[in-house]
N, C-alpha and C. Protein backbone atom coordinates (compact mmCIF):
# COMPACT_ATOMS: atom_id res chain seq x y z
N MET A 1 0.80 -1.24 0.10
CA MET A 1 -0.07 -0.11 -0.07
C MET A 1 0.96 1.28 0.04
N GLY A 2 2.00 1.15 0.77
CA GLY A 2 2.69 2.21 0.97
C GLY A 2 3.42 2.80 -0.35
N GLN A 3 3.90 1.85 -1.30
CA GLN A 3 4.35 2.28 -2.46
C GLN A 3 3.46 3.07 -3.38
N HIS A 4 2.29 2.84 -3.34
CA HIS A 4 1.30 3.66 -4.13
C HIS A 4 0.78 5.11 -3.54
N MET A 5 1.33 5.34 -2.41
CA MET A 5 0.92 6.66 -1.58
C MET A 5 1.78 7.64 -2.05
N SER A 6 1.37 8.96 -2.33
CA SER A 6 2.30 10.09 -2.50
C SER A 6 2.91 10.46 -1.13
N ARG A 7 3.99 11.22 -1.23
CA ARG A 7 4.89 11.60 -0.04
C ARG A 7 3.75 12.36 0.85
N SER A 8 2.87 13.39 0.17
CA SER A 8 1.96 14.19 1.03
C SER A 8 0.99 13.15 1.64
N ASP A 9 0.55 12.18 1.00
CA ASP A 9 -0.51 11.24 1.96
C ASP A 9 0.36 10.65 2.77
N GLN A 10 1.51 10.03 2.65
CA GLN A 10 2.15 9.47 3.82
C GLN A 10 2.30 10.43 5.06
N LYS A 11 2.51 11.54 4.54
CA LYS A 11 2.65 12.70 5.79
C LYS A 11 1.68 13.04 6.42
N GLN A 12 0.43 13.10 5.82
CA GLN A 12 -0.82 13.31 6.40
C GLN A 12 -1.29 12.09 7.21
N LEU A 13 -1.14 10.88 6.67
CA LEU A 13 -1.31 9.61 7.64
C LEU A 13 -0.63 9.60 8.82
N THR A 14 0.78 9.92 8.76
CA THR A 14 1.44 9.86 9.80
C THR A 14 1.11 11.04 10.89
N ARG A 15 0.57 12.11 10.48
CA ARG A 15 0.12 13.03 11.15
C ARG A 15 -1.13 12.91 12.01
N GLN A 16 -1.97 12.11 11.25
CA GLN A 16 -3.21 11.57 11.64
C GLN A 16 -3.00 10.48 12.90
N ARG A 17 -1.94 9.81 12.53
CA ARG A 17 -1.51 8.82 13.63
C ARG A 17 -1.14 9.40 14.96
N ILE A 18 -0.43 10.36 14.70
CA ILE A 18 0.31 11.14 15.91
C ILE A 18 -0.81 11.86 16.61
N LEU A 19 -1.73 12.36 15.95
CA LEU A 19 -2.99 13.24 16.74
C LEU A 19 -3.88 12.24 17.43
N ASP A 20 -4.11 10.93 16.67
CA ASP A 20 -4.80 10.02 17.39
C ASP A 20 -4.17 9.54 18.72
N ALA A 21 -2.86 9.24 18.59
CA ALA A 21 -2.11 8.68 19.91
C ALA A 21 -2.27 9.83 20.87
N ALA A 22 -2.02 11.04 20.45
CA ALA A 22 -2.05 12.22 21.38
C ALA A 22 -3.47 12.40 22.18
N GLY A 23 -4.39 12.32 21.38
CA GLY A 23 -5.77 12.30 21.89
C GLY A 23 -6.06 11.10 23.12
N ARG A 24 -5.57 9.78 22.47
CA ARG A 24 -5.55 8.83 23.44
C ARG A 24 -4.78 9.07 24.84
N SER A 25 -3.53 9.45 24.51
CA SER A 25 -2.72 9.78 25.59
C SER A 25 -3.12 10.86 26.60
N PHE A 26 -3.66 11.89 26.08
CA PHE A 26 -4.16 12.87 26.95
C PHE A 26 -5.31 12.76 27.70
N ARG A 27 -6.35 11.96 26.99
CA ARG A 27 -7.49 11.55 27.53
C ARG A 27 -7.09 10.50 28.92
N LYS A 28 -6.17 9.60 28.60
CA LYS A 28 -5.82 8.69 29.70
C LYS A 28 -4.88 9.37 30.72
N GLY A 29 -4.07 10.14 30.41
CA GLY A 29 -3.06 10.51 31.46
C GLY A 29 -3.05 12.04 31.45
N GLY A 30 -3.73 12.73 30.92
CA GLY A 30 -3.74 14.10 31.29
C GLY A 30 -2.67 14.88 30.36
N PHE A 31 -2.74 16.29 30.31
CA PHE A 31 -1.62 16.88 29.67
C PHE A 31 -0.21 16.68 30.25
N GLY A 32 -0.28 16.69 31.53
CA GLY A 32 0.86 16.42 32.24
C GLY A 32 1.49 15.15 32.39
N GLY A 33 0.56 14.01 31.99
CA GLY A 33 0.79 12.83 32.30
C GLY A 33 1.57 11.99 31.23
N VAL A 34 1.76 12.84 30.10
CA VAL A 34 2.49 12.26 28.99
C VAL A 34 3.54 13.30 28.34
N GLY A 35 4.60 12.74 27.92
CA GLY A 35 5.48 13.84 27.08
C GLY A 35 5.43 13.62 25.67
N VAL A 36 6.17 14.15 24.95
CA VAL A 36 6.13 14.05 23.33
C VAL A 36 6.82 12.70 23.18
N ASP A 37 7.89 12.09 23.93
CA ASP A 37 8.27 10.67 23.70
C ASP A 37 7.43 9.92 23.72
N GLY A 38 6.49 9.88 24.86
CA GLY A 38 5.37 8.86 25.04
C GLY A 38 4.40 8.91 23.92
N VAL A 39 3.94 10.13 23.46
CA VAL A 39 2.82 10.24 22.38
C VAL A 39 3.84 9.77 21.01
N ALA A 40 4.87 10.03 20.64
CA ALA A 40 5.61 9.47 19.64
C ALA A 40 5.56 7.98 19.55
N LYS A 41 6.05 7.52 20.86
CA LYS A 41 5.99 6.05 20.76
C LYS A 41 4.72 5.21 20.55
N ASP A 42 3.66 5.87 21.15
CA ASP A 42 2.52 5.30 20.97
C ASP A 42 1.99 5.55 19.34
N ALA A 43 2.32 6.41 18.84
CA ALA A 43 2.08 6.49 17.45
C ALA A 43 3.03 5.85 16.41
N GLY A 44 3.93 5.20 17.11
CA GLY A 44 4.98 4.23 16.39
C GLY A 44 6.07 5.32 15.50
N VAL A 45 6.30 6.35 15.90
CA VAL A 45 7.28 7.35 15.23
C VAL A 45 8.27 7.82 16.21
N THR A 46 9.19 8.66 15.79
CA THR A 46 10.46 9.07 16.46
C THR A 46 9.87 10.39 17.02
N SER A 47 10.46 10.90 18.09
CA SER A 47 10.04 12.21 18.70
C SER A 47 10.53 13.17 17.77
N GLY A 48 11.40 13.03 16.93
CA GLY A 48 11.79 14.12 15.80
C GLY A 48 10.66 14.21 14.86
N ALA A 49 10.07 12.98 14.36
CA ALA A 49 8.85 12.94 13.46
C ALA A 49 7.61 13.74 14.10
N PHE A 50 7.49 13.63 15.56
CA PHE A 50 6.50 14.46 16.16
C PHE A 50 6.60 15.85 15.78
N TYR A 51 7.79 16.44 16.07
CA TYR A 51 8.12 18.08 15.80
C TYR A 51 8.07 18.23 14.39
N VAL A 52 8.11 17.48 13.41
CA VAL A 52 7.98 17.56 12.03
C VAL A 52 6.52 18.06 11.91
N HIS A 53 5.55 17.47 12.63
CA HIS A 53 4.17 17.86 12.45
C HIS A 53 3.56 18.93 13.42
N PHE A 54 4.05 18.74 14.69
CA PHE A 54 3.68 19.62 15.75
C PHE A 54 4.76 20.50 16.32
N ASN A 55 4.63 21.75 16.53
CA ASN A 55 5.62 22.86 16.98
C ASN A 55 5.97 22.25 18.73
N SER A 56 4.88 21.85 19.19
CA SER A 56 4.87 21.63 20.56
C SER A 56 4.00 20.50 21.12
N LYS A 57 4.11 20.09 22.42
CA LYS A 57 3.13 19.43 22.88
C LYS A 57 1.75 19.98 23.08
N ALA A 58 1.74 21.45 23.54
CA ALA A 58 0.65 22.09 23.58
C ALA A 58 -0.23 22.36 22.35
N VAL A 59 0.53 22.23 21.20
CA VAL A 59 -0.12 22.59 19.83
C VAL A 59 -0.93 21.25 19.68
N ALA A 60 -0.12 19.95 19.86
CA ALA A 60 -0.73 18.72 19.78
C ALA A 60 -2.04 18.50 20.50
N PHE A 61 -1.89 19.20 21.79
CA PHE A 61 -3.06 18.88 22.80
C PHE A 61 -4.19 19.64 22.08
N ARG A 62 -4.02 20.92 21.72
CA ARG A 62 -4.98 21.57 21.33
C ARG A 62 -5.73 21.09 19.99
N GLU A 63 -5.09 20.59 19.19
CA GLU A 63 -5.46 19.86 17.89
C GLU A 63 -6.22 18.57 18.22
N ALA A 64 -5.78 17.84 19.53
CA ALA A 64 -6.28 16.50 19.76
C ALA A 64 -7.63 16.93 20.40
N MET A 65 -7.56 17.95 21.31
CA MET A 65 -8.95 18.33 21.77
C MET A 65 -10.02 18.64 20.92
N ASP A 66 -9.54 19.44 19.98
CA ASP A 66 -10.39 20.08 18.80
C ASP A 66 -10.93 18.74 18.07
N LYS A 67 -10.17 17.74 17.66
CA LYS A 67 -10.53 16.59 17.08
C LYS A 67 -11.50 15.81 17.81
N GLY A 68 -11.19 15.88 19.19
CA GLY A 68 -12.12 14.92 19.96
C GLY A 68 -13.55 15.60 20.08
N MET A 69 -13.48 17.06 20.04
CA MET A 69 -15.03 17.61 20.03
C MET A 69 -15.52 17.70 18.80
N ASP A 70 -14.71 17.56 17.77
CA ASP A 70 -15.48 17.25 16.48
C ASP A 70 -15.76 16.04 16.20
N ASP A 71 -15.22 15.11 16.87
CA ASP A 71 -15.84 13.78 16.94
C ASP A 71 -17.21 13.48 17.55
N LEU A 72 -17.43 14.18 18.69
CA LEU A 72 -18.40 14.30 19.39
C LEU A 72 -19.64 14.92 18.56
N LYS A 73 -19.44 16.00 18.03
CA LYS A 73 -20.33 16.36 16.92
C LYS A 73 -20.87 15.67 15.84
N LYS A 74 -19.83 14.81 15.29
CA LYS A 74 -20.18 14.20 14.34
C LYS A 74 -20.85 12.78 14.92
N GLY A 75 -20.68 12.37 16.05
CA GLY A 75 -21.45 11.39 16.77
C GLY A 75 -23.05 11.87 16.97
N ILE A 76 -23.15 13.05 17.29
CA ILE A 76 -24.37 13.47 17.50
C ILE A 76 -25.26 13.76 16.18
N GLN A 77 -24.56 13.92 15.15
CA GLN A 77 -25.11 13.97 13.73
C GLN A 77 -25.58 12.55 13.41
N LEU A 78 -24.74 11.59 13.76
CA LEU A 78 -24.89 10.13 13.46
C LEU A 78 -26.18 9.65 14.19
N PHE A 79 -26.21 9.93 15.32
CA PHE A 79 -27.57 9.53 16.18
C PHE A 79 -28.88 10.17 15.58
N GLN A 80 -28.62 11.45 15.19
CA GLN A 80 -29.83 12.34 14.68
C GLN A 80 -30.20 11.39 13.46
N ALA A 81 -29.20 10.97 12.72
CA ALA A 81 -29.46 10.39 11.25
C ALA A 81 -30.18 9.20 11.23
N GLN A 82 -29.34 8.28 12.26
CA GLN A 82 -29.70 6.88 12.36
C GLN A 82 -31.06 6.56 13.25
N HIS A 83 -31.51 7.50 14.43
CA HIS A 83 -32.40 7.08 15.32
C HIS A 83 -33.72 7.86 15.11
N GLY A 84 -33.82 8.74 14.17
CA GLY A 84 -34.90 9.68 14.05
C GLY A 84 -35.37 10.26 15.26
N ASP A 85 -36.62 10.28 15.60
CA ASP A 85 -37.24 10.91 16.70
C ASP A 85 -36.83 10.22 18.09
N GLN A 86 -35.96 9.29 17.93
CA GLN A 86 -35.51 8.78 19.05
C GLN A 86 -34.00 9.06 19.32
N TRP A 87 -33.29 10.08 18.74
CA TRP A 87 -31.85 10.21 18.64
C TRP A 87 -31.69 10.70 20.01
N TRP A 88 -32.45 11.60 20.81
CA TRP A 88 -31.90 12.14 22.04
C TRP A 88 -31.91 10.81 23.12
N PRO A 89 -32.89 10.12 23.43
CA PRO A 89 -32.69 9.08 24.29
C PRO A 89 -31.57 8.07 23.88
N ALA A 90 -31.55 7.80 22.68
CA ALA A 90 -30.27 7.06 22.10
C ALA A 90 -29.02 7.59 22.48
N PHE A 91 -29.03 8.83 22.06
CA PHE A 91 -27.63 9.39 22.31
C PHE A 91 -27.23 9.51 23.94
N VAL A 92 -28.31 9.75 24.99
CA VAL A 92 -28.19 9.95 26.22
C VAL A 92 -27.81 8.51 26.69
N ARG A 93 -28.33 7.45 26.36
CA ARG A 93 -27.96 6.09 26.89
C ARG A 93 -26.63 5.63 26.37
N PHE A 94 -26.19 5.97 25.19
CA PHE A 94 -24.82 5.69 24.74
C PHE A 94 -23.73 6.34 25.43
N TYR A 95 -24.09 7.64 25.59
CA TYR A 95 -23.01 8.60 26.44
C TYR A 95 -23.09 7.96 27.98
N LEU A 96 -23.95 7.70 28.53
CA LEU A 96 -24.08 7.35 29.83
C LEU A 96 -23.59 5.56 30.05
N GLY A 97 -23.64 5.20 29.04
CA GLY A 97 -23.41 3.57 29.15
C GLY A 97 -22.01 3.20 28.50
N GLU A 98 -21.84 3.16 26.95
CA GLU A 98 -20.71 2.91 26.50
C GLU A 98 -19.48 3.95 26.77
N LYS A 99 -19.89 5.27 26.71
CA LYS A 99 -18.87 6.21 26.70
C LYS A 99 -18.46 6.37 28.11
N ARG A 100 -19.24 5.89 28.95
CA ARG A 100 -18.91 6.05 30.43
C ARG A 100 -18.05 4.86 30.95
N GLN A 101 -18.20 3.65 30.25
CA GLN A 101 -17.57 2.52 30.59
C GLN A 101 -16.34 2.10 29.99
N CYS A 102 -16.28 2.74 28.73
CA CYS A 102 -14.90 2.32 27.83
C CYS A 102 -13.84 2.83 28.61
N ASP A 103 -12.59 2.44 27.96
CA ASP A 103 -11.21 2.86 28.51
C ASP A 103 -11.22 4.24 28.34
N LEU A 104 -10.56 4.88 29.48
CA LEU A 104 -10.49 6.32 29.47
C LEU A 104 -9.56 6.85 28.06
N ALA A 105 -8.80 6.21 27.59
CA ALA A 105 -8.28 6.61 26.41
C ALA A 105 -9.14 6.69 25.10
N ASP A 106 -10.23 5.99 25.40
CA ASP A 106 -11.25 6.02 24.24
C ASP A 106 -12.53 6.88 24.73
N SER A 107 -12.19 7.42 25.87
CA SER A 107 -13.59 8.33 26.25
C SER A 107 -13.78 9.68 25.56
N CYS A 108 -14.74 10.28 25.92
CA CYS A 108 -15.36 11.56 25.04
C CYS A 108 -14.42 12.66 25.59
N ALA A 109 -13.73 13.57 24.69
CA ALA A 109 -13.02 14.62 24.97
C ALA A 109 -13.75 15.60 25.79
N LEU A 110 -15.08 15.75 25.85
CA LEU A 110 -15.74 16.77 26.45
C LEU A 110 -15.66 16.54 28.10
N GLN A 111 -15.73 15.29 28.41
CA GLN A 111 -15.70 14.74 29.70
C GLN A 111 -14.31 14.44 30.30
N SER A 112 -13.25 13.85 29.47
CA SER A 112 -11.93 13.98 29.99
C SER A 112 -10.78 14.92 29.75
N LEU A 113 -11.18 15.83 28.52
CA LEU A 113 -10.02 16.97 28.50
C LEU A 113 -10.51 18.09 28.94
N ALA A 114 -11.77 18.31 29.21
CA ALA A 114 -12.29 19.73 29.77
C ALA A 114 -11.42 20.10 30.98
N PRO A 115 -11.36 19.15 32.10
CA PRO A 115 -10.42 19.72 33.17
C PRO A 115 -8.98 19.96 32.77
N GLU A 116 -8.61 19.19 31.80
CA GLU A 116 -7.16 19.48 31.35
C GLU A 116 -7.14 21.04 30.69
N VAL A 117 -8.36 21.25 29.94
CA VAL A 117 -8.12 22.69 29.40
C VAL A 117 -8.34 23.84 30.12
N ALA A 118 -8.99 23.33 31.29
CA ALA A 118 -9.20 24.37 32.30
C ALA A 118 -7.96 24.74 33.11
N ARG A 119 -6.71 23.89 33.02
CA ARG A 119 -5.38 24.17 33.57
C ARG A 119 -4.58 24.61 32.54
N SER A 120 -5.08 24.67 31.12
CA SER A 120 -4.16 24.91 30.11
C SER A 120 -4.12 26.66 29.82
N ASP A 121 -3.50 26.63 28.62
CA ASP A 121 -3.25 28.08 28.12
C ASP A 121 -4.57 28.76 27.53
N ASP A 122 -4.45 30.01 27.32
CA ASP A 122 -5.74 30.67 26.61
C ASP A 122 -5.98 30.25 25.07
N ALA A 123 -4.96 29.86 24.45
CA ALA A 123 -5.27 29.26 23.22
C ALA A 123 -5.95 27.94 23.31
N ALA A 124 -5.79 27.23 24.13
CA ALA A 124 -6.51 25.91 24.31
C ALA A 124 -7.75 26.28 24.82
N ARG A 125 -8.17 27.19 25.79
CA ARG A 125 -9.41 27.54 26.35
C ARG A 125 -10.24 28.17 25.08
N ASP A 126 -9.55 29.09 24.37
CA ASP A 126 -10.35 29.61 23.16
C ASP A 126 -10.72 28.71 22.26
N ALA A 127 -10.00 27.70 21.91
CA ALA A 127 -10.30 26.58 20.90
C ALA A 127 -11.46 25.68 21.68
N PHE A 128 -11.32 25.30 22.77
CA PHE A 128 -12.29 24.63 23.43
C PHE A 128 -13.77 25.42 23.39
N SER A 129 -13.67 26.69 23.68
CA SER A 129 -14.83 27.47 23.76
C SER A 129 -15.57 27.23 22.55
N VAL A 130 -14.91 27.76 21.36
CA VAL A 130 -15.48 27.58 20.17
C VAL A 130 -16.08 26.19 19.78
N ALA A 131 -15.31 25.21 20.21
CA ALA A 131 -15.66 23.49 19.69
C ALA A 131 -17.01 23.36 20.54
N LEU A 132 -16.90 23.85 21.90
CA LEU A 132 -18.13 23.65 22.87
C LEU A 132 -19.34 24.15 22.24
N VAL A 133 -19.39 25.29 21.78
CA VAL A 133 -20.37 26.13 21.41
C VAL A 133 -20.92 25.46 20.08
N ALA A 134 -20.07 24.98 19.11
CA ALA A 134 -20.32 24.28 17.97
C ALA A 134 -21.14 22.91 18.28
N VAL A 135 -20.68 22.22 19.33
CA VAL A 135 -21.44 20.78 19.79
C VAL A 135 -22.70 21.24 20.21
N ALA A 136 -22.80 22.31 20.96
CA ALA A 136 -24.00 22.70 21.56
C ALA A 136 -25.17 23.08 20.46
N GLN A 137 -24.55 23.81 19.48
CA GLN A 137 -25.49 24.12 18.27
C GLN A 137 -26.02 22.94 17.69
N GLU A 138 -24.96 21.86 17.51
CA GLU A 138 -25.38 20.78 16.86
C GLU A 138 -26.62 20.12 17.53
N LEU A 139 -26.41 19.99 18.83
CA LEU A 139 -27.44 19.55 19.65
C LEU A 139 -28.78 20.06 19.57
N ALA A 140 -28.47 21.37 19.72
CA ALA A 140 -30.01 22.41 19.57
C ALA A 140 -30.61 22.30 18.28
N SER A 141 -29.79 21.96 17.27
CA SER A 141 -30.31 22.06 15.95
C SER A 141 -30.93 20.55 15.46
N GLY A 142 -30.86 19.81 16.37
CA GLY A 142 -31.43 18.35 15.84
C GLY A 142 -32.87 18.34 15.94
N ARG A 143 -33.37 17.26 15.57
CA ARG A 143 -34.89 17.26 15.57
C ARG A 143 -35.50 17.28 16.75
N HIS A 144 -36.47 18.29 17.06
CA HIS A 144 -37.00 18.65 18.24
C HIS A 144 -38.03 17.52 18.68
N THR A 145 -37.44 16.69 19.34
CA THR A 145 -38.49 15.71 19.95
C THR A 145 -38.48 15.79 21.40
N ALA A 146 -39.22 15.03 22.15
CA ALA A 146 -39.50 15.27 23.48
C ALA A 146 -38.22 15.32 24.21
N HIS A 147 -37.86 16.33 25.04
CA HIS A 147 -36.75 16.43 25.97
C HIS A 147 -35.24 16.81 25.15
N ALA A 148 -35.41 16.63 23.93
CA ALA A 148 -33.97 17.07 23.40
C ALA A 148 -33.69 18.43 23.44
N PRO A 149 -32.52 18.85 23.75
CA PRO A 149 -32.43 20.36 23.85
C PRO A 149 -33.02 21.21 22.62
N GLY A 150 -33.58 22.18 23.23
CA GLY A 150 -34.30 23.15 21.99
C GLY A 150 -33.58 24.36 21.67
N ASP A 151 -32.49 24.58 22.60
CA ASP A 151 -31.76 25.83 22.33
C ASP A 151 -30.31 25.62 22.88
N ILE A 152 -29.57 26.61 22.66
CA ILE A 152 -28.11 26.60 23.01
C ILE A 152 -28.12 26.31 24.45
N ASP A 153 -28.87 27.06 25.17
CA ASP A 153 -28.82 26.95 26.71
C ASP A 153 -28.93 25.69 27.15
N GLU A 154 -30.21 25.01 26.71
CA GLU A 154 -30.67 23.80 27.06
C GLU A 154 -29.63 22.69 26.60
N ALA A 155 -28.93 23.05 25.55
CA ALA A 155 -27.98 22.17 25.17
C ALA A 155 -26.63 22.19 25.95
N LEU A 156 -26.17 23.47 26.32
CA LEU A 156 -25.11 23.45 27.22
C LEU A 156 -25.37 22.63 28.54
N VAL A 157 -26.64 22.95 29.15
CA VAL A 157 -27.00 22.25 30.26
C VAL A 157 -26.97 20.52 30.09
N ALA A 158 -27.56 20.37 29.18
CA ALA A 158 -27.30 18.71 28.73
C ALA A 158 -25.76 18.17 28.72
N LEU A 159 -24.98 19.05 27.97
CA LEU A 159 -23.58 18.53 27.84
C LEU A 159 -22.87 18.61 29.37
N ALA A 160 -23.17 19.70 30.05
CA ALA A 160 -22.61 19.96 31.35
C ALA A 160 -23.08 18.67 32.29
N THR A 161 -24.29 18.17 32.20
CA THR A 161 -24.88 17.19 32.82
C THR A 161 -24.16 15.91 32.38
N LEU A 162 -24.41 15.51 31.15
CA LEU A 162 -23.66 14.31 30.69
C LEU A 162 -22.23 14.07 31.22
N ALA A 163 -21.48 15.31 30.84
CA ALA A 163 -19.84 15.38 31.30
C ALA A 163 -19.64 15.01 32.67
N GLY A 164 -20.59 15.92 33.57
CA GLY A 164 -20.50 15.77 35.03
C GLY A 164 -20.78 14.31 35.38
N ALA A 165 -21.90 13.85 34.85
CA ALA A 165 -22.31 12.45 35.36
C ALA A 165 -21.30 11.40 35.17
N VAL A 166 -20.52 11.48 33.84
CA VAL A 166 -19.62 10.42 33.48
C VAL A 166 -18.20 10.58 34.38
N THR A 167 -18.06 11.92 34.64
CA THR A 167 -16.90 12.31 35.43
C THR A 167 -17.00 11.66 36.84
N LEU A 168 -18.15 11.97 37.38
CA LEU A 168 -18.51 11.55 38.95
C LEU A 168 -18.35 9.86 38.93
N SER A 169 -19.02 9.36 37.67
CA SER A 169 -19.21 7.92 37.84
C SER A 169 -17.98 7.20 37.67
N ARG A 170 -16.85 7.76 36.99
CA ARG A 170 -15.74 7.23 36.89
C ARG A 170 -14.74 7.46 38.03
N ALA A 171 -15.18 8.33 38.73
CA ALA A 171 -14.52 8.68 39.95
C ALA A 171 -14.72 7.91 41.22
N VAL A 172 -15.75 7.34 41.33
CA VAL A 172 -16.26 6.55 42.41
C VAL A 172 -15.77 5.12 42.13
N SER A 173 -15.54 4.30 43.39
CA SER A 173 -15.10 3.16 43.36
C SER A 173 -16.29 2.13 43.36
N ASP A 174 -17.48 2.38 43.77
CA ASP A 174 -18.61 1.50 43.95
C ASP A 174 -19.12 1.51 42.51
N PRO A 175 -19.39 0.21 41.81
CA PRO A 175 -20.11 0.39 40.37
C PRO A 175 -21.59 0.55 40.60
N LEU A 176 -21.99 0.13 41.77
CA LEU A 176 -23.52 0.33 42.03
C LEU A 176 -23.79 1.91 42.13
N LEU A 177 -22.88 2.47 42.82
CA LEU A 177 -23.14 4.12 42.90
C LEU A 177 -22.79 4.72 41.39
N ALA A 178 -21.99 4.14 40.73
CA ALA A 178 -21.56 4.61 39.36
C ALA A 178 -22.98 4.64 38.49
N ASP A 179 -23.56 3.51 38.56
CA ASP A 179 -24.83 3.10 37.68
C ASP A 179 -25.80 4.03 38.21
N ARG A 180 -25.95 4.20 39.59
CA ARG A 180 -26.91 5.09 39.98
C ARG A 180 -26.87 6.55 39.58
N ILE A 181 -25.50 6.98 39.55
CA ILE A 181 -25.34 8.32 38.98
C ILE A 181 -25.75 8.42 37.62
N ALA A 182 -25.45 7.34 36.67
CA ALA A 182 -25.99 7.38 35.29
C ALA A 182 -27.44 7.12 35.29
N GLN A 183 -28.20 6.41 36.02
CA GLN A 183 -29.59 6.15 35.89
C GLN A 183 -30.38 7.52 36.24
N ALA A 184 -29.81 8.10 37.37
CA ALA A 184 -30.45 9.19 37.86
C ALA A 184 -30.30 10.44 36.66
N THR A 185 -29.12 10.62 36.13
CA THR A 185 -28.86 11.55 35.25
C THR A 185 -29.83 11.30 33.94
N GLU A 186 -30.04 9.84 33.55
CA GLU A 186 -30.78 9.65 32.53
C GLU A 186 -32.47 10.00 32.55
N LYS A 187 -32.61 9.68 33.81
CA LYS A 187 -34.13 10.00 34.19
C LYS A 187 -34.32 11.62 34.24
N THR A 188 -33.18 12.32 34.34
CA THR A 188 -33.31 13.81 34.41
C THR A 188 -33.38 14.17 33.04
N LEU A 189 -32.54 13.76 31.98
CA LEU A 189 -32.47 14.40 30.85
C LEU A 189 -33.43 13.59 29.83
N VAL A 190 -33.90 12.35 30.06
CA VAL A 190 -35.05 11.74 29.25
C VAL A 190 -36.16 11.25 30.14
N PRO A 191 -36.77 12.22 31.12
CA PRO A 191 -37.94 11.55 32.00
C PRO A 191 -38.85 10.74 31.74
N LEU A 192 -39.44 11.14 30.62
CA LEU A 192 -40.67 10.26 30.31
C LEU A 192 -40.28 8.74 30.10
N LEU A 193 -39.13 8.57 29.37
CA LEU A 193 -38.82 7.25 28.91
C LEU A 193 -38.15 6.29 29.96
N SER A 194 -37.68 7.09 31.10
CA SER A 194 -37.06 6.37 32.21
C SER A 194 -38.06 6.05 33.33
N SER A 195 -39.30 6.75 33.26
CA SER A 195 -40.11 6.40 34.50
C SER A 195 -40.68 5.04 34.56
């Protein structure tokens, strides 16, 4: 396969691999928990190759966060396309189920990277702010079915509730308490279907 790829295609593929590895590393260990060497190793490249694509770890973090938030937006679009009028309860259940229980490296950027962004620089916070509003707009512009967020404010509350619920569920040691947090949150966000 590599023989038929142009140099620019190979470069783009390598960049994508580094970005994916950075996203997994930052979600799992936080910004301070992994260095350039660790990200490069996870991506299967040298640290020198990392710097060919990213000027610094902070730039890679910003781009990984941005990609993670874009993935969330695309996920919302997918649920809206696949589940019709049931997209909102389906999305809530997915977020409080699979996205809560998956490995932290595969978790949602909204939940795992927001605390890192809060400790980060202004550029990361600015990028996160833009990405967050874009995700909220995507939620609010979805098919208006029962309990789905109808405007940006409701979407921000829903996102904060989901991210907070998953953060707390991951932090407690008792799986029953984690489930209770998730169930109570689902009941709040999708009241009729959970009663």
